[in-house]
Amino acid sequence: MSSLKQLKQEEKNAVLQQQVIAELNVIVKDIERSEKLILTLNQDLHAINAKFQGPRDTRADVAYLTGLLECAKRKLAWEKQISSLQKRTPSLMERMATLLNDPKSPPSSEAREQMLRALQSIQAAMERLQQANSGTSGTDTPSQEQPQPPERSRHT
């Protein structure tokens, strides 16, 4: 028969396990949100580049650069999201490992299954994010790809 102290510890660990599972699921949602953001950003960059191809006058240059600036701001926000994920994930993984390897109060098979599913979801979401991000590798500096008008002073 388990002592009262053991039962309380098992109960506490069960709550901690559910918290870890919930946090893993939050990370999955954050990764999915980051994936959507980078895909939208990539589409917007392509649209801006397509809209402003060829020679431009000063107004078109300003509109083009304004569009690029908006994309750069969103990319910065995306980078902050990724940075936040990178900071949160290791400590969460440590807590999960501690709970999984606790000899006094190991998680139930159901809790282990939930953690495994959450980790698999994270892995799948990370693969999709990596794939989405690889599509933007050449679009960080799209202005270099665009030809500049030969003479700007005549448009002022």
Protein backbone atom coordinates (compact mmCIF):
# COMPACT_ATOMS: atom_id res chain seq x y z
CA MET A 1 0.00 0.00 0.00
CA SER A 2 1.31 3.41 -0.95
CA SER A 3 1.86 5.96 1.72
CA LEU A 4 0.06 9.27 1.70
CA LYS A 5 3.32 11.01 0.84
CA GLN A 6 3.84 8.74 -2.18
CA LEU A 7 0.29 9.32 -3.39
CA LYS A 8 0.71 13.08 -3.14
CA GLN A 9 4.00 12.89 -5.05
CA GLU A 10 2.39 10.77 -7.77
CA GLU A 11 -0.49 13.23 -7.99
CA LYS A 12 1.93 16.15 -8.22
CA ASN A 13 3.91 14.40 -10.97
CA ALA A 14 0.71 13.67 -12.90
CA VAL A 15 -0.11 17.39 -12.83
CA LEU A 16 3.44 18.23 -13.94
CA GLN A 17 3.17 15.70 -16.76
CA GLN A 18 -0.06 17.27 -17.98
CA GLN A 19 1.56 20.71 -17.84
CA VAL A 20 4.49 19.48 -19.94
CA ILE A 21 2.11 17.92 -22.46
CA ALA A 22 0.14 21.17 -22.66
CA GLU A 23 3.34 23.17 -23.16
CA LEU A 24 4.48 20.78 -25.89
CA ASN A 25 1.17 21.33 -27.66
CA VAL A 26 1.60 25.11 -27.31
CA ILE A 27 5.00 24.80 -28.99
CA VAL A 28 3.38 22.89 -31.85
CA LYS A 29 0.85 25.71 -32.32
CA ASP A 30 3.62 28.34 -32.18
CA ILE A 31 5.64 26.49 -34.81
CA GLU A 32 2.56 26.19 -37.03
CA ARG A 33 1.91 29.92 -36.62
CA SER A 34 5.52 30.66 -37.57
CA GLU A 35 5.18 28.43 -40.62
CA LYS A 36 2.08 30.32 -41.79
CA LEU A 37 3.79 33.65 -41.20
CA ILE A 38 6.89 32.76 -43.22
CA LEU A 39 4.78 31.35 -46.06
CA THR A 40 2.70 34.53 -46.20
CA LEU A 41 5.83 36.64 -46.03
CA ASN A 42 7.38 34.70 -48.91
CA GLN A 43 4.23 35.17 -51.02
CA ASP A 44 4.18 38.88 -50.26
CA LEU A 45 7.83 39.29 -51.23
CA HIS A 46 7.19 37.53 -54.53
CA ALA A 47 4.14 39.73 -55.15
CA ILE A 48 6.12 42.91 -54.43
CA ASN A 49 8.95 41.83 -56.71
CA ALA A 50 6.51 40.92 -59.48
CA LYS A 51 4.64 44.22 -59.15
CA PHE A 52 7.75 46.36 -59.36
CA GLN A 53 9.77 44.65 -62.09
CA GLY A 54 11.73 46.71 -64.55
CA PRO A 55 12.49 50.42 -64.47
CA ARG A 56 10.65 52.45 -61.86
CA ASP A 57 10.12 56.11 -61.25
CA THR A 58 10.64 57.65 -57.81
CA ARG A 59 7.08 56.98 -56.64
CA ALA A 60 7.34 53.34 -57.66
CA ASP A 61 10.71 53.10 -55.90
CA VAL A 62 9.16 54.47 -52.71
CA ALA A 63 6.22 52.06 -52.96
CA TYR A 64 8.59 49.16 -53.61
CA LEU A 65 10.84 50.04 -50.70
CA THR A 66 7.82 50.58 -48.43
CA GLY A 67 6.60 47.09 -49.32
CA LEU A 68 10.03 45.64 -48.61
CA LEU A 69 10.16 47.47 -45.28
CA GLU A 70 6.81 46.00 -44.24
CA CYS A 71 8.06 42.53 -45.15
CA ALA A 72 11.28 43.14 -43.22
CA LYS A 73 9.29 44.14 -40.14
CA ARG A 74 7.23 40.96 -40.35
CA LYS A 75 10.37 38.88 -40.87
CA LEU A 76 11.85 40.44 -37.74
CA ALA A 77 8.70 39.50 -35.81
CA TRP A 78 9.02 35.96 -37.18
CA GLU A 79 12.66 35.80 -36.07
CA LYS A 80 11.62 36.88 -32.58
CA GLN A 81 9.03 34.08 -32.49
CA ILE A 82 11.67 31.56 -33.52
CA SER A 83 14.08 32.91 -30.91
CA SER A 84 11.42 32.54 -28.24
CA LEU A 85 10.81 28.94 -29.29
CA GLN A 86 14.53 28.22 -29.18
CA LYS A 87 14.74 29.57 -25.64
CA ARG A 88 11.69 27.75 -24.27
CA THR A 89 12.20 24.35 -25.82
CA PRO A 90 15.39 23.07 -24.09
CA SER A 91 14.10 23.65 -20.55
CA LEU A 92 10.80 21.99 -21.46
CA MET A 93 12.64 18.98 -22.86
CA GLU A 94 14.70 18.74 -19.67
CA ARG A 95 11.56 18.80 -17.54
CA MET A 96 9.99 16.14 -19.74
CA ALA A 97 13.08 13.91 -19.50
CA THR A 98 13.11 14.32 -15.71
CA LEU A 99 9.47 13.28 -15.50
CA LEU A 100 9.93 10.35 -17.87
CA ASN A 101 12.95 9.05 -15.96
CA ASP A 102 11.55 9.50 -12.46
CA PRO A 103 12.00 6.09 -10.80
CA LYS A 104 9.74 6.93 -7.85
CA SER A 105 6.78 8.05 -9.91
CA PRO A 106 7.05 7.09 -13.58
CA PRO A 107 4.40 8.47 -15.92
CA SER A 108 1.49 6.29 -16.92
CA SER A 109 1.53 4.68 -20.33
CA GLU A 110 -1.19 7.16 -21.35
CA ALA A 111 0.97 10.12 -20.34
CA ARG A 112 3.96 8.63 -22.17
CA GLU A 113 1.79 8.18 -25.25
CA GLN A 114 0.59 11.80 -25.07
CA MET A 115 4.17 13.05 -24.76
CA LEU A 116 5.24 10.92 -27.71
CA ARG A 117 2.38 12.23 -29.86
CA ALA A 118 3.23 15.80 -28.89
CA LEU A 119 6.90 15.25 -29.77
CA GLN A 120 5.93 13.72 -33.11
CA SER A 121 3.71 16.74 -33.79
CA ILE A 122 6.61 19.05 -32.97
CA GLN A 123 8.87 17.10 -35.31
CA ALA A 124 6.35 17.26 -38.16
CA ALA A 125 5.71 20.97 -37.58
CA MET A 126 9.46 21.69 -37.52
CA GLU A 127 9.92 19.84 -40.82
CA ARG A 128 7.14 21.90 -42.41
CA LEU A 129 8.62 25.11 -40.99
CA GLN A 130 12.06 24.22 -42.28
CA GLN A 131 10.60 23.50 -45.70
CA ALA A 132 8.67 26.79 -45.69
CA ASN A 133 11.73 28.72 -44.55
CA SER A 134 13.95 27.19 -47.22
CA GLY A 135 11.68 28.82 -49.79
CA THR A 136 12.67 32.26 -48.46
CA SER A 137 16.43 31.82 -48.52
CA GLY A 138 16.84 33.80 -51.72
CA THR A 139 14.34 36.50 -50.82
CA ASP A 140 16.11 38.14 -47.90
CA THR A 141 17.56 40.80 -50.18
CA PRO A 142 15.20 40.97 -53.13
CA SER A 143 16.25 44.51 -54.06
CA GLN A 144 19.55 43.13 -55.32
CA GLU A 145 17.68 41.11 -57.93
CA GLN A 146 15.82 44.12 -59.35
CA PRO A 147 17.42 46.37 -61.93
CA GLN A 148 17.64 49.99 -60.85
CA PRO A 149 16.59 52.81 -63.16
CA PRO A 150 19.63 54.22 -64.92
CA GLU A 151 19.01 57.79 -63.87
CA ARG A 152 17.01 58.78 -60.79
CA SER A 153 17.42 62.54 -60.82
CA ARG A 154 15.11 63.11 -63.77
CA HIS A 155 12.13 61.75 -61.77
CA THR A 156 12.31 64.14 -58.84
